[in-house]
Amino acid sequence: MKTRLAILLFAVAAALTGCNEADKGQQSKTVGWFLDHRGELAATLQGCSDNPGELEKTPNCINANEARNQVTIKEMEDALK
């Protein structure tokens, strides 16, 4: 009985490790990093919008969207000066 439970738990864990394959092998970048690397910000945003079903909830897409929001706010503030 314990062996069956162990096998079942192992199978579930193995199945769940592939759940976030879209971002696998990619190190998450911070909002600040994206603000310092505008070319990568644009490329990441393009990738996120090209495949939102898989990438929308990944850390890089979330951080890139936040960086874009901060850039937009800064540009609006500068335009009002």
C-alpha atoms as a PDB file:
ATOM      1  CA  MET A   1       0.000   0.000   0.000  1.00  0.00           C
ATOM      2  CA  LYS A   2       2.801   2.451   0.842  1.00  0.00           C
ATOM      3  CA  THR A   3       4.569   1.580  -2.405  1.00  0.00           C
ATOM      4  CA  ARG A   4       1.440   2.384  -4.419  1.00  0.00           C
ATOM      5  CA  LEU A   5       1.066   5.709  -2.652  1.00  0.00           C
ATOM      6  CA  ALA A   6       4.719   6.546  -3.263  1.00  0.00           C
ATOM      7  CA  ILE A   7       4.383   5.689  -6.964  1.00  0.00           C
ATOM      8  CA  LEU A   8       1.214   7.764  -7.238  1.00  0.00           C
ATOM      9  CA  LEU A   9       2.845  10.763  -5.546  1.00  0.00           C
ATOM     10  CA  PHE A  10       5.895  10.456  -7.775  1.00  0.00           C
ATOM     11  CA  ALA A  11       3.705  10.316 -10.901  1.00  0.00           C
ATOM     12  CA  VAL A  12       1.752  13.413  -9.835  1.00  0.00           C
ATOM     13  CA  ALA A  13       4.952  15.321  -9.064  1.00  0.00           C
ATOM     14  CA  ALA A  14       6.454  14.328 -12.413  1.00  0.00           C
ATOM     15  CA  ALA A  15       3.320  15.448 -14.247  1.00  0.00           C
ATOM     16  CA  LEU A  16       3.271  18.815 -12.501  1.00  0.00           C
ATOM     17  CA  THR A  17       6.888  19.634 -13.291  1.00  0.00           C
ATOM     18  CA  GLY A  18       5.953  20.171 -16.936  1.00  0.00           C
ATOM     19  CA  CYS A  19       3.117  22.587 -16.217  1.00  0.00           C
ATOM     20  CA  ASN A  20       5.131  25.746 -16.830  1.00  0.00           C
ATOM     21  CA  GLU A  21       7.194  24.664 -19.824  1.00  0.00           C
ATOM     22  CA  ALA A  22       6.634  27.984 -21.611  1.00  0.00           C
ATOM     23  CA  ASP A  23       9.037  29.738 -19.246  1.00  0.00           C
ATOM     24  CA  LYS A  24      11.308  26.755 -18.625  1.00  0.00           C
ATOM     25  CA  GLY A  25      14.996  27.421 -19.039  1.00  0.00           C
ATOM     26  CA  GLN A  26      14.468  31.163 -18.937  1.00  0.00           C
ATOM     27  CA  GLN A  27      15.596  33.147 -15.935  1.00  0.00           C
ATOM     28  CA  SER A  28      13.030  35.657 -14.759  1.00  0.00           C
ATOM     29  CA  LYS A  29      13.988  39.266 -15.293  1.00  0.00           C
ATOM     30  CA  THR A  30      12.978  42.042 -12.917  1.00  0.00           C
ATOM     31  CA  VAL A  31      10.970  45.138 -13.748  1.00  0.00           C
ATOM     32  CA  GLY A  32      14.132  47.201 -13.223  1.00  0.00           C
ATOM     33  CA  TRP A  33      16.057  45.013 -15.661  1.00  0.00           C
ATOM     34  CA  PHE A  34      13.403  45.558 -18.319  1.00  0.00           C
ATOM     35  CA  LEU A  35      13.515  49.322 -17.674  1.00  0.00           C
ATOM     36  CA  ASP A  36      17.269  49.249 -18.318  1.00  0.00           C
ATOM     37  CA  HIS A  37      16.956  47.048 -21.435  1.00  0.00           C
ATOM     38  CA  ARG A  38      14.221  48.591 -23.569  1.00  0.00           C
ATOM     39  CA  GLY A  39      14.981  46.401 -26.599  1.00  0.00           C
ATOM     40  CA  GLU A  40      14.449  43.246 -24.557  1.00  0.00           C
ATOM     41  CA  LEU A  41      11.324  44.815 -23.056  1.00  0.00           C
ATOM     42  CA  ALA A  42       9.852  45.323 -26.522  1.00  0.00           C
ATOM     43  CA  ALA A  43      10.821  41.815 -27.641  1.00  0.00           C
ATOM     44  CA  THR A  44       9.361  40.222 -24.511  1.00  0.00           C
ATOM     45  CA  LEU A  45       6.129  42.190 -24.818  1.00  0.00           C
ATOM     46  CA  GLN A  46       5.840  41.082 -28.445  1.00  0.00           C
ATOM     47  CA  GLY A  47       6.352  37.446 -27.474  1.00  0.00           C
ATOM     48  CA  CYS A  48       3.798  37.742 -24.683  1.00  0.00           C
ATOM     49  CA  SER A  49       1.194  39.244 -27.003  1.00  0.00           C
ATOM     50  CA  ASP A  50       1.905  36.685 -29.732  1.00  0.00           C
ATOM     51  CA  ASN A  51       1.171  33.771 -27.384  1.00  0.00           C
ATOM     52  CA  PRO A  52      -0.878  34.998 -24.404  1.00  0.00           C
ATOM     53  CA  GLY A  53      -2.422  31.598 -23.778  1.00  0.00           C
ATOM     54  CA  GLU A  54       0.926  30.152 -22.734  1.00  0.00           C
ATOM     55  CA  LEU A  55       2.954  33.172 -21.703  1.00  0.00           C
ATOM     56  CA  GLU A  56       0.594  35.724 -20.150  1.00  0.00           C
ATOM     57  CA  LYS A  57       1.043  34.491 -16.575  1.00  0.00           C
ATOM     58  CA  THR A  58       4.811  33.884 -16.743  1.00  0.00           C
ATOM     59  CA  PRO A  59       7.062  36.040 -14.531  1.00  0.00           C
ATOM     60  CA  ASN A  60       8.769  37.680 -17.513  1.00  0.00           C
ATOM     61  CA  CYS A  61       5.478  38.733 -19.107  1.00  0.00           C
ATOM     62  CA  ILE A  62       4.132  40.062 -15.824  1.00  0.00           C
ATOM     63  CA  ASN A  63       7.341  42.012 -15.145  1.00  0.00           C
ATOM     64  CA  ALA A  64       7.564  43.289 -18.730  1.00  0.00           C
ATOM     65  CA  ASN A  65       3.973  44.541 -18.563  1.00  0.00           C
ATOM     66  CA  GLU A  66       4.697  46.326 -15.284  1.00  0.00           C
ATOM     67  CA  ALA A  67       7.818  47.912 -16.797  1.00  0.00           C
ATOM     68  CA  ARG A  68       5.755  49.064 -19.802  1.00  0.00           C
ATOM     69  CA  ASN A  69       3.206  50.592 -17.420  1.00  0.00           C
ATOM     70  CA  GLN A  70       5.955  52.462 -15.577  1.00  0.00           C
ATOM     71  CA  VAL A  71       7.428  53.747 -18.861  1.00  0.00           C
ATOM     72  CA  THR A  72       4.004  54.943 -19.981  1.00  0.00           C
ATOM     73  CA  ILE A  73       3.377  56.772 -16.700  1.00  0.00           C
ATOM     74  CA  LYS A  74       6.816  58.414 -16.836  1.00  0.00           C
ATOM     75  CA  GLU A  75       6.248  59.533 -20.443  1.00  0.00           C
ATOM     76  CA  MET A  76       2.851  60.975 -19.511  1.00  0.00           C
ATOM     77  CA  GLU A  77       4.331  62.845 -16.552  1.00  0.00           C
ATOM     78  CA  ASP A  78       7.120  64.236 -18.755  1.00  0.00           C
ATOM     79  CA  ALA A  79       4.596  65.353 -21.382  1.00  0.00           C
ATOM     80  CA  LEU A  80       2.634  67.303 -18.768  1.00  0.00           C
ATOM     81  CA  LYS A  81       5.670  69.313 -17.615  1.00  0.00           C
END
